[in-house]
Amino acid sequence: MIRKAPISMIMTEPVITLKKNDSLEKAEHLFKKHHIRHIPVVTGNVVVGMLSYTDLLRLSFSDLDDNLDGDTDALVYNMFTIKQVMKSSIVTVPSSKSIKEVAEILATKEFHALPIVDNNKLVGIVTTTDLIKYLLKQF
């Protein structure tokens, strides 16, 4: 394991993003298409929030009853905006931050993804899954 290895070694780039005015249906489509669980919400390249797949599941009725159709989700999604559902108070880290420091942040906070930001510009994202994969490569 490389001491002081920067998070840029394992971050995902480019990042799938959303805008505050995008639909929740678009968000669900991106989550499923790219098999991801976190999407930064941006204005330009500036991170203004984070939407997780869990945030969408909290709104979804289809998980409660298998007999409901996809139209129910569409109705619920149309009642809310990304801005209303996203987390707007988020932590970001620079790409030079060490993998160990990022792991410490994720281990002590109640979230599972961090946007990587340099000079106020989104450059990557790192998740707990990225960290686990990195650790597994060390063995």
N, C-alpha and C. Protein backbone atom coordinates (compact mmCIF):
# COMPACT_ATOMS: atom_id res chain seq x y z
N MET A 1 0.85 -1.17 0.00
CA MET A 1 0.00 0.00 0.00
C MET A 1 0.90 1.24 0.00
N ILE A 2 0.62 2.15 -0.89
CA ILE A 2 1.43 3.36 -1.02
C ILE A 2 1.01 4.36 0.05
N ARG A 3 1.97 4.79 0.86
CA ARG A 3 1.67 5.79 1.88
C ARG A 3 1.38 7.13 1.22
N LYS A 4 0.40 7.81 1.72
CA LYS A 4 0.03 9.14 1.23
C LYS A 4 -0.46 9.14 -0.22
N ALA A 5 -0.89 7.99 -0.72
CA ALA A 5 -1.40 7.92 -2.10
C ALA A 5 -2.61 8.85 -2.22
N PRO A 6 -2.65 9.66 -3.27
CA PRO A 6 -3.77 10.61 -3.41
C PRO A 6 -5.05 9.91 -3.87
N ILE A 7 -6.17 10.47 -3.47
CA ILE A 7 -7.47 9.91 -3.84
C ILE A 7 -7.66 9.90 -5.35
N SER A 8 -6.94 10.76 -6.05
CA SER A 8 -7.05 10.79 -7.51
C SER A 8 -6.68 9.45 -8.15
N MET A 9 -5.92 8.62 -7.41
CA MET A 9 -5.55 7.29 -7.92
C MET A 9 -6.75 6.37 -8.09
N ILE A 10 -7.78 6.56 -7.25
CA ILE A 10 -8.90 5.62 -7.29
C ILE A 10 -10.25 6.28 -7.57
N MET A 11 -10.26 7.61 -7.73
CA MET A 11 -11.54 8.28 -7.97
C MET A 11 -12.07 7.93 -9.37
N THR A 12 -13.38 8.04 -9.51
CA THR A 12 -14.03 7.82 -10.80
C THR A 12 -14.12 9.14 -11.54
N GLU A 13 -13.70 9.09 -12.79
CA GLU A 13 -13.83 10.26 -13.66
C GLU A 13 -14.02 9.78 -15.09
N PRO A 14 -14.73 10.45 -15.92
CA PRO A 14 -15.55 11.62 -15.62
C PRO A 14 -16.76 11.22 -14.78
N VAL A 15 -17.41 12.20 -14.19
CA VAL A 15 -18.50 11.97 -13.26
C VAL A 15 -19.85 12.18 -13.96
N ILE A 16 -20.77 11.26 -13.72
CA ILE A 16 -22.15 11.43 -14.16
C ILE A 16 -22.76 12.49 -13.23
N THR A 17 -23.38 13.51 -13.80
CA THR A 17 -23.94 14.59 -12.98
C THR A 17 -25.38 14.89 -13.36
N LEU A 18 -26.04 15.61 -12.48
CA LEU A 18 -27.39 16.12 -12.71
C LEU A 18 -27.40 17.61 -12.46
N LYS A 19 -28.42 18.27 -12.98
CA LYS A 19 -28.67 19.68 -12.68
C LYS A 19 -29.91 19.74 -11.81
N LYS A 20 -30.06 20.82 -11.03
CA LYS A 20 -31.20 20.95 -10.13
C LYS A 20 -32.54 20.87 -10.85
N ASN A 21 -32.58 21.29 -12.11
CA ASN A 21 -33.85 21.28 -12.84
C ASN A 21 -34.09 20.00 -13.63
N ASP A 22 -33.19 19.02 -13.55
CA ASP A 22 -33.42 17.72 -14.20
C ASP A 22 -34.53 16.99 -13.46
N SER A 23 -35.16 16.06 -14.12
CA SER A 23 -36.26 15.31 -13.50
C SER A 23 -35.72 14.15 -12.66
N LEU A 24 -36.52 13.73 -11.71
CA LEU A 24 -36.17 12.55 -10.92
C LEU A 24 -36.22 11.29 -11.77
N GLU A 25 -37.04 11.29 -12.81
CA GLU A 25 -37.06 10.15 -13.73
C GLU A 25 -35.71 10.04 -14.45
N LYS A 26 -35.15 11.17 -14.86
CA LYS A 26 -33.82 11.15 -15.49
C LYS A 26 -32.79 10.61 -14.50
N ALA A 27 -32.89 11.03 -13.25
CA ALA A 27 -31.96 10.55 -12.23
C ALA A 27 -32.06 9.03 -12.09
N GLU A 28 -33.27 8.51 -12.00
CA GLU A 28 -33.45 7.07 -11.87
C GLU A 28 -32.86 6.34 -13.08
N HIS A 29 -33.09 6.89 -14.26
CA HIS A 29 -32.54 6.30 -15.48
C HIS A 29 -31.01 6.24 -15.41
N LEU A 30 -30.37 7.33 -14.97
CA LEU A 30 -28.90 7.36 -14.87
C LEU A 30 -28.39 6.36 -13.83
N PHE A 31 -29.07 6.29 -12.68
CA PHE A 31 -28.67 5.32 -11.65
C PHE A 31 -28.68 3.91 -12.21
N LYS A 32 -29.74 3.56 -12.90
CA LYS A 32 -29.88 2.19 -13.41
C LYS A 32 -28.96 1.92 -14.60
N LYS A 33 -28.87 2.87 -15.52
CA LYS A 33 -28.04 2.69 -16.72
C LYS A 33 -26.57 2.51 -16.36
N HIS A 34 -26.07 3.31 -15.42
CA HIS A 34 -24.64 3.30 -15.09
C HIS A 34 -24.31 2.46 -13.86
N HIS A 35 -25.33 1.85 -13.25
CA HIS A 35 -25.13 1.01 -12.06
C HIS A 35 -24.37 1.77 -10.97
N ILE A 36 -24.88 2.97 -10.66
CA ILE A 36 -24.27 3.81 -9.64
C ILE A 36 -25.29 4.14 -8.56
N ARG A 37 -24.82 4.66 -7.43
CA ARG A 37 -25.73 4.98 -6.33
C ARG A 37 -25.65 6.42 -5.86
N HIS A 38 -24.76 7.22 -6.45
CA HIS A 38 -24.60 8.63 -6.06
C HIS A 38 -24.33 9.48 -7.29
N ILE A 39 -25.04 10.60 -7.37
CA ILE A 39 -24.83 11.52 -8.48
C ILE A 39 -24.72 12.93 -7.94
N PRO A 40 -23.58 13.58 -8.17
CA PRO A 40 -23.46 14.99 -7.77
C PRO A 40 -24.41 15.86 -8.60
N VAL A 41 -24.97 16.86 -7.95
CA VAL A 41 -25.81 17.84 -8.63
C VAL A 41 -24.96 19.08 -8.80
N VAL A 42 -24.89 19.58 -10.03
CA VAL A 42 -23.97 20.69 -10.33
C VAL A 42 -24.69 21.86 -10.99
N THR A 43 -24.10 23.02 -10.80
CA THR A 43 -24.42 24.21 -11.57
C THR A 43 -23.12 24.55 -12.27
N GLY A 44 -23.08 24.37 -13.59
CA GLY A 44 -21.80 24.45 -14.29
C GLY A 44 -20.96 23.27 -13.85
N ASN A 45 -19.78 23.53 -13.33
CA ASN A 45 -18.92 22.48 -12.77
C ASN A 45 -18.86 22.54 -11.25
N VAL A 46 -19.69 23.39 -10.64
CA VAL A 46 -19.69 23.57 -9.19
C VAL A 46 -20.72 22.64 -8.55
N VAL A 47 -20.28 21.86 -7.57
CA VAL A 47 -21.16 20.93 -6.88
C VAL A 47 -22.07 21.71 -5.93
N VAL A 48 -23.39 21.51 -6.08
CA VAL A 48 -24.36 22.18 -5.21
C VAL A 48 -25.16 21.19 -4.38
N GLY A 49 -24.97 19.89 -4.63
CA GLY A 49 -25.69 18.88 -3.87
C GLY A 49 -25.31 17.48 -4.31
N MET A 50 -25.93 16.51 -3.65
CA MET A 50 -25.69 15.10 -3.98
C MET A 50 -27.02 14.37 -3.89
N LEU A 51 -27.32 13.57 -4.90
CA LEU A 51 -28.52 12.75 -4.91
C LEU A 51 -28.08 11.29 -4.86
N SER A 52 -28.66 10.54 -3.95
CA SER A 52 -28.33 9.12 -3.87
C SER A 52 -29.53 8.29 -4.33
N TYR A 53 -29.26 7.08 -4.73
CA TYR A 53 -30.33 6.18 -5.15
C TYR A 53 -31.27 5.94 -3.97
N THR A 54 -30.73 5.91 -2.77
CA THR A 54 -31.55 5.74 -1.57
C THR A 54 -32.53 6.90 -1.42
N ASP A 55 -32.12 8.12 -1.78
CA ASP A 55 -33.03 9.26 -1.73
C ASP A 55 -34.26 8.99 -2.61
N LEU A 56 -34.03 8.42 -3.79
CA LEU A 56 -35.15 8.10 -4.69
C LEU A 56 -36.01 6.98 -4.13
N LEU A 57 -35.38 5.97 -3.55
CA LEU A 57 -36.14 4.85 -3.01
C LEU A 57 -37.07 5.29 -1.89
N ARG A 58 -36.68 6.30 -1.15
CA ARG A 58 -37.54 6.81 -0.09
C ARG A 58 -38.85 7.38 -0.65
N LEU A 59 -38.81 7.85 -1.90
CA LEU A 59 -40.00 8.41 -2.54
C LEU A 59 -40.84 7.35 -3.24
N SER A 60 -40.24 6.22 -3.52
CA SER A 60 -40.85 5.22 -4.38
C SER A 60 -41.85 4.35 -3.63
N PHE A 61 -43.00 4.15 -4.25
CA PHE A 61 -44.00 3.24 -3.70
C PHE A 61 -43.88 1.84 -4.28
N SER A 62 -43.21 1.71 -5.40
CA SER A 62 -43.18 0.42 -6.09
C SER A 62 -42.49 -0.66 -5.27
N ASP A 63 -41.60 -0.28 -4.38
CA ASP A 63 -40.93 -1.28 -3.55
C ASP A 63 -41.85 -1.85 -2.48
N LEU A 64 -42.96 -1.14 -2.21
CA LEU A 64 -43.87 -1.59 -1.17
C LEU A 64 -44.85 -2.64 -1.67
N ASP A 65 -45.18 -2.58 -2.95
CA ASP A 65 -46.18 -3.49 -3.50
C ASP A 65 -45.79 -3.84 -4.94
N ASP A 66 -45.50 -5.10 -5.17
CA ASP A 66 -45.10 -5.54 -6.51
C ASP A 66 -46.21 -5.38 -7.55
N ASN A 67 -47.45 -5.20 -7.12
CA ASN A 67 -48.57 -5.07 -8.04
C ASN A 67 -48.68 -3.67 -8.64
N LEU A 68 -47.98 -2.70 -8.06
CA LEU A 68 -48.04 -1.34 -8.59
C LEU A 68 -47.20 -1.25 -9.85
N ASP A 69 -47.61 -0.39 -10.77
CA ASP A 69 -46.85 -0.25 -12.02
C ASP A 69 -45.91 0.95 -11.94
N GLY A 70 -45.09 1.13 -12.97
CA GLY A 70 -44.11 2.21 -13.02
C GLY A 70 -44.73 3.59 -13.05
N ASP A 71 -46.02 3.67 -13.42
CA ASP A 71 -46.68 4.98 -13.46
C ASP A 71 -46.75 5.61 -12.08
N THR A 72 -46.82 4.78 -11.03
CA THR A 72 -46.88 5.31 -9.68
C THR A 72 -45.62 6.09 -9.36
N ASP A 73 -44.46 5.53 -9.71
CA ASP A 73 -43.20 6.24 -9.49
C ASP A 73 -43.17 7.55 -10.25
N ALA A 74 -43.63 7.52 -11.50
CA ALA A 74 -43.63 8.73 -12.32
C ALA A 74 -44.47 9.82 -11.66
N LEU A 75 -45.62 9.43 -11.12
CA LEU A 75 -46.47 10.42 -10.44
C LEU A 75 -45.76 11.02 -9.23
N VAL A 76 -45.15 10.16 -8.44
CA VAL A 76 -44.44 10.63 -7.25
C VAL A 76 -43.25 11.50 -7.66
N TYR A 77 -42.50 11.07 -8.65
CA TYR A 77 -41.34 11.83 -9.10
C TYR A 77 -41.74 13.22 -9.60
N ASN A 78 -42.91 13.33 -10.21
CA ASN A 78 -43.36 14.62 -10.70
C ASN A 78 -43.78 15.57 -9.57
N MET A 79 -43.96 15.04 -8.38
CA MET A 79 -44.35 15.87 -7.23
C MET A 79 -43.15 16.55 -6.59
N PHE A 80 -41.95 16.08 -6.89
CA PHE A 80 -40.74 16.60 -6.26
C PHE A 80 -39.71 17.00 -7.31
N THR A 81 -38.79 17.86 -6.90
CA THR A 81 -37.68 18.24 -7.77
C THR A 81 -36.39 17.68 -7.19
N ILE A 82 -35.37 17.64 -8.00
CA ILE A 82 -34.06 17.21 -7.50
C ILE A 82 -33.61 18.12 -6.37
N LYS A 83 -33.85 19.40 -6.52
CA LYS A 83 -33.45 20.36 -5.48
C LYS A 83 -34.10 20.04 -4.13
N GLN A 84 -35.34 19.54 -4.15
CA GLN A 84 -36.04 19.20 -2.91
C GLN A 84 -35.53 17.91 -2.29
N VAL A 85 -35.04 17.00 -3.11
CA VAL A 85 -34.68 15.66 -2.63
C VAL A 85 -33.18 15.54 -2.33
N MET A 86 -32.35 16.27 -3.04
CA MET A 86 -30.89 16.14 -2.89
C MET A 86 -30.43 16.63 -1.51
N LYS A 87 -29.27 16.16 -1.12
CA LYS A 87 -28.59 16.68 0.07
C LYS A 87 -27.80 17.90 -0.39
N SER A 88 -28.04 19.03 0.25
CA SER A 88 -27.35 20.25 -0.20
C SER A 88 -26.15 20.61 0.67
N SER A 89 -26.08 20.03 1.83
CA SER A 89 -24.92 20.28 2.70
C SER A 89 -23.99 19.08 2.57
N ILE A 90 -23.00 19.21 1.68
CA ILE A 90 -22.13 18.06 1.42
C ILE A 90 -20.67 18.41 1.68
N VAL A 91 -19.90 17.37 1.88
CA VAL A 91 -18.46 17.50 2.07
C VAL A 91 -17.79 17.18 0.75
N THR A 92 -16.80 17.97 0.38
CA THR A 92 -15.99 17.68 -0.81
C THR A 92 -14.54 17.62 -0.37
N VAL A 93 -13.72 16.97 -1.17
CA VAL A 93 -12.29 16.89 -0.89
C VAL A 93 -11.50 17.15 -2.16
N PRO A 94 -10.27 17.68 -2.03
CA PRO A 94 -9.42 17.89 -3.21
C PRO A 94 -8.81 16.57 -3.66
N SER A 95 -8.41 16.51 -4.93
CA SER A 95 -7.84 15.27 -5.48
C SER A 95 -6.49 14.91 -4.85
N SER A 96 -5.87 15.86 -4.17
CA SER A 96 -4.58 15.60 -3.52
C SER A 96 -4.75 14.97 -2.13
N LYS A 97 -5.95 14.96 -1.60
CA LYS A 97 -6.20 14.36 -0.27
C LYS A 97 -5.83 12.88 -0.35
N SER A 98 -5.24 12.35 0.70
CA SER A 98 -4.80 10.95 0.67
C SER A 98 -5.98 9.99 0.76
N ILE A 99 -5.79 8.81 0.23
CA ILE A 99 -6.81 7.77 0.30
C ILE A 99 -7.15 7.49 1.75
N LYS A 100 -6.15 7.47 2.61
CA LYS A 100 -6.37 7.22 4.04
C LYS A 100 -7.24 8.31 4.65
N GLU A 101 -6.97 9.57 4.34
CA GLU A 101 -7.77 10.67 4.89
C GLU A 101 -9.22 10.59 4.42
N VAL A 102 -9.43 10.24 3.16
CA VAL A 102 -10.78 10.12 2.63
C VAL A 102 -11.49 8.94 3.30
N ALA A 103 -10.77 7.84 3.49
CA ALA A 103 -11.35 6.68 4.17
C ALA A 103 -11.78 7.04 5.59
N GLU A 104 -10.98 7.85 6.26
CA GLU A 104 -11.34 8.29 7.62
C GLU A 104 -12.61 9.13 7.61
N ILE A 105 -12.75 9.99 6.62
CA ILE A 105 -13.97 10.82 6.50
C ILE A 105 -15.19 9.93 6.29
N LEU A 106 -15.10 9.01 5.34
CA LEU A 106 -16.23 8.13 5.04
C LEU A 106 -16.55 7.20 6.21
N ALA A 107 -15.54 6.80 6.96
CA ALA A 107 -15.77 5.90 8.09
C ALA A 107 -16.47 6.60 9.26
N THR A 108 -16.36 7.92 9.34
CA THR A 108 -16.93 8.63 10.48
C THR A 108 -18.20 9.41 10.15
N LYS A 109 -18.54 9.52 8.89
CA LYS A 109 -19.73 10.27 8.48
C LYS A 109 -20.83 9.30 8.05
N GLU A 110 -22.00 9.83 7.81
CA GLU A 110 -23.14 8.99 7.44
C GLU A 110 -23.44 9.06 5.95
N PHE A 111 -22.41 9.14 5.13
CA PHE A 111 -22.60 9.11 3.69
C PHE A 111 -21.56 8.18 3.08
N HIS A 112 -21.77 7.84 1.81
CA HIS A 112 -20.94 6.82 1.19
C HIS A 112 -20.27 7.26 -0.10
N ALA A 113 -20.28 8.58 -0.36
CA ALA A 113 -19.62 9.10 -1.55
C ALA A 113 -19.17 10.53 -1.29
N LEU A 114 -18.03 10.88 -1.89
CA LEU A 114 -17.50 12.24 -1.77
C LEU A 114 -17.15 12.77 -3.15
N PRO A 115 -17.66 13.95 -3.48
CA PRO A 115 -17.21 14.59 -4.71
C PRO A 115 -15.76 15.06 -4.53
N ILE A 116 -14.97 14.91 -5.57
CA ILE A 116 -13.59 15.38 -5.57
C ILE A 116 -13.57 16.70 -6.33
N VAL A 117 -13.14 17.75 -5.66
CA VAL A 117 -13.22 19.10 -6.21
C VAL A 117 -11.86 19.79 -6.14
N ASP A 118 -11.41 20.30 -7.27
CA ASP A 118 -10.19 21.12 -7.34
C ASP A 118 -10.56 22.49 -7.89
N ASN A 119 -10.14 23.54 -7.20
CA ASN A 119 -10.43 24.92 -7.64
C ASN A 119 -11.91 25.12 -7.93
N ASN A 120 -12.76 24.64 -7.01
CA ASN A 120 -14.22 24.75 -7.12
C ASN A 120 -14.82 24.04 -8.33
N LYS A 121 -14.08 23.11 -8.95
CA LYS A 121 -14.56 22.37 -10.12
C LYS A 121 -14.59 20.88 -9.80
N LEU A 122 -15.71 20.23 -10.10
CA LEU A 122 -15.85 18.80 -9.90
C LEU A 122 -14.91 18.05 -10.85
N VAL A 123 -14.03 17.22 -10.28
CA VAL A 123 -13.09 16.47 -11.12
C VAL A 123 -13.24 14.95 -10.97
N GLY A 124 -13.99 14.51 -9.95
CA GLY A 124 -14.16 13.08 -9.74
C GLY A 124 -15.11 12.80 -8.59
N ILE A 125 -15.30 11.53 -8.32
CA ILE A 125 -16.11 11.09 -7.18
C ILE A 125 -15.47 9.82 -6.64
N VAL A 126 -15.54 9.63 -5.34
CA VAL A 126 -15.05 8.41 -4.72
C VAL A 126 -16.13 7.89 -3.78
N THR A 127 -16.29 6.57 -3.80
CA THR A 127 -17.31 5.93 -2.97
C THR A 127 -16.67 4.90 -2.05
N THR A 128 -17.45 4.44 -1.09
CA THR A 128 -16.94 3.39 -0.21
C THR A 128 -16.59 2.14 -1.02
N THR A 129 -17.33 1.89 -2.09
CA THR A 129 -17.03 0.74 -2.95
C THR A 129 -15.65 0.90 -3.60
N ASP A 130 -15.31 2.12 -4.05
CA ASP A 130 -13.98 2.36 -4.61
C ASP A 130 -12.90 2.04 -3.59
N LEU A 131 -13.12 2.44 -2.34
CA LEU A 131 -12.14 2.18 -1.28
C LEU A 131 -12.00 0.68 -1.01
N ILE A 132 -13.11 -0.02 -0.97
CA ILE A 132 -13.06 -1.46 -0.73
C ILE A 132 -12.31 -2.16 -1.86
N LYS A 133 -12.59 -1.78 -3.11
CA LYS A 133 -11.89 -2.39 -4.25
C LYS A 133 -10.39 -2.13 -4.17
N TYR A 134 -10.01 -0.91 -3.76
CA TYR A 134 -8.60 -0.56 -3.61
C TYR A 134 -7.95 -1.44 -2.54
N LEU A 135 -8.62 -1.58 -1.42
CA LEU A 135 -8.07 -2.41 -0.34
C LEU A 135 -7.93 -3.87 -0.77
N LEU A 136 -8.91 -4.38 -1.51
CA LEU A 136 -8.85 -5.76 -1.96
C LEU A 136 -7.65 -6.00 -2.90
N LYS A 137 -7.31 -5.02 -3.69
CA LYS A 137 -6.15 -5.14 -4.59
C LYS A 137 -4.83 -5.24 -3.79
N GLN A 138 -4.84 -4.76 -2.57
CA GLN A 138 -3.63 -4.78 -1.75
C GLN A 138 -3.32 -6.17 -1.19
N PHE A 139 -4.31 -7.06 -1.21
CA PHE A 139 -4.13 -8.40 -0.63
C PHE A 139 -3.83 -9.45 -1.67
